[in-house]
Protein backbone atom coordinates (compact mmCIF):
# COMPACT_ATOMS: atom_id res chain seq x y z
CA MET A 1 0.04 0.11 0.09
CA ALA A 2 1.42 3.29 -1.05
CA GLN A 3 2.20 5.69 1.91
CA LEU A 4 0.42 8.98 1.82
CA ASN A 5 2.47 12.22 2.79
CA TYR A 6 1.74 15.12 4.60
CA GLN A 7 0.67 17.04 2.33
CA ASP A 8 -2.08 14.46 0.87
CA THR A 9 -3.24 13.74 4.59
CA ASN A 10 -3.66 17.48 5.52
CA SER A 11 -5.47 18.34 2.16
CA PHE A 12 -7.90 15.01 2.77
CA LEU A 13 -8.48 16.56 6.20
CA CYS A 14 -8.96 19.87 5.79
CA PRO A 15 -9.71 20.71 2.22
CA ARG A 16 -9.87 24.01 0.60
CA SER A 17 -12.10 25.59 -2.12
CA HIS A 18 -11.07 27.95 -4.56
CA TYR A 19 -11.93 31.59 -4.28
CA TYR A 20 -14.01 33.23 -6.92
CA GLY A 21 -14.23 36.66 -5.63
CA GLN A 22 -12.77 39.60 -6.41
CA VAL A 23 -9.19 39.06 -6.07
CA LYS A 24 -7.44 41.32 -3.34
CA PRO A 25 -4.91 40.33 -0.84
CA GLU A 26 -7.22 40.92 2.11
CA ASN A 27 -10.21 38.83 0.43
CA LEU A 28 -7.80 35.92 -0.31
CA VAL A 29 -6.61 36.33 3.60
CA PHE A 30 -10.18 36.53 4.91
CA ASN A 31 -11.19 33.52 2.78
CA ALA A 32 -8.72 31.39 4.09
CA ASN A 33 -9.49 32.56 7.51
CA LEU A 34 -13.11 31.66 6.83
CA GLN A 35 -12.60 28.46 5.54
CA GLU A 36 -10.60 27.71 8.32
CA PHE A 37 -13.67 28.67 10.96
CA ALA A 38 -16.01 26.75 9.00
CA GLN A 39 -13.76 23.38 9.44
CA ARG A 40 -13.26 24.04 12.76
CA VAL A 41 -16.86 24.56 13.76
CA SER A 42 -17.41 21.33 11.63
CA TYR A 43 -15.13 19.57 14.02
CA ILE A 44 -16.56 21.13 17.33
CA THR A 45 -20.30 20.31 16.48
CA SER A 46 -19.23 16.78 15.22
CA LEU A 47 -17.58 16.38 18.93
CA GLU A 48 -20.35 17.75 20.83
CA THR A 49 -22.83 15.72 18.73
CA GLY A 50 -20.46 12.25 19.71
CA GLY A 51 -20.83 13.70 23.47
CA LYS A 52 -17.18 14.51 23.70
CA LEU A 53 -17.88 18.15 24.42
CA SER A 54 -20.75 19.55 26.37
CA THR A 55 -23.13 22.07 24.45
CA GLU A 56 -21.91 24.92 26.63
CA GLU A 57 -18.41 24.08 25.82
CA ALA A 58 -19.08 23.82 22.35
CA PHE A 59 -20.60 27.13 22.23
CA GLY A 60 -17.77 28.74 24.05
CA LYS A 61 -15.20 27.49 21.47
CA ILE A 62 -17.54 28.36 18.49
CA GLU A 63 -17.88 31.95 19.91
CA ALA A 64 -14.29 32.09 20.35
CA LEU A 65 -13.83 31.37 16.92
CA TRP A 66 -16.24 33.75 15.66
CA GLU A 67 -14.57 36.62 17.68
CA LYS A 68 -11.45 35.98 16.14
CA LEU A 69 -12.59 35.80 12.73
CA GLU A 70 -14.56 39.09 13.26
CA SER A 71 -11.56 40.59 14.37
CA SER A 72 -9.58 39.54 11.32
CA LYS A 73 -12.44 40.91 9.08
CA ASN A 74 -11.86 44.17 10.77
CA LYS A 75 -8.19 44.24 10.75
CA LEU A 76 -8.39 43.49 7.02
CA GLY A 77 -11.01 46.14 6.22
CA ILE A 78 -13.60 43.82 4.69
CA GLY A 79 -16.51 45.28 3.99
CA SER A 80 -15.69 48.61 5.40
CA ASP A 81 -16.11 50.34 1.70
CA ILE A 82 -19.77 49.56 1.78
CA SER A 83 -21.93 52.64 1.58
CA LEU A 84 -25.20 52.75 3.14
CA GLU A 85 -27.68 54.64 0.95
C-alpha cells in the first residue's frame, strides 16, 4: 500500500476551496480564515454531537472562533467600503 505524505493527508482532512470573488490580498486572507473557521466549527459540532464536548463548551469554542474571525475581518478592512444609501 502506498504511503500518504503529509500534504496529501492535510488536504484530505482540511480541504480548501478555490476563491471566486474579487482578487485582492485581504479578500484571499479573509477567505482562508473563513474556511478555517468553517472547518473548526464542523469539528466542534461533531465532537458535541458525539458527546465528547458539552453544549456549553462547544458554544464557547465556536463563540471564540467567531470573535477571532470578526477581528480578522475588521483588521483586514473587509466590508468597510460599503456605503449605505
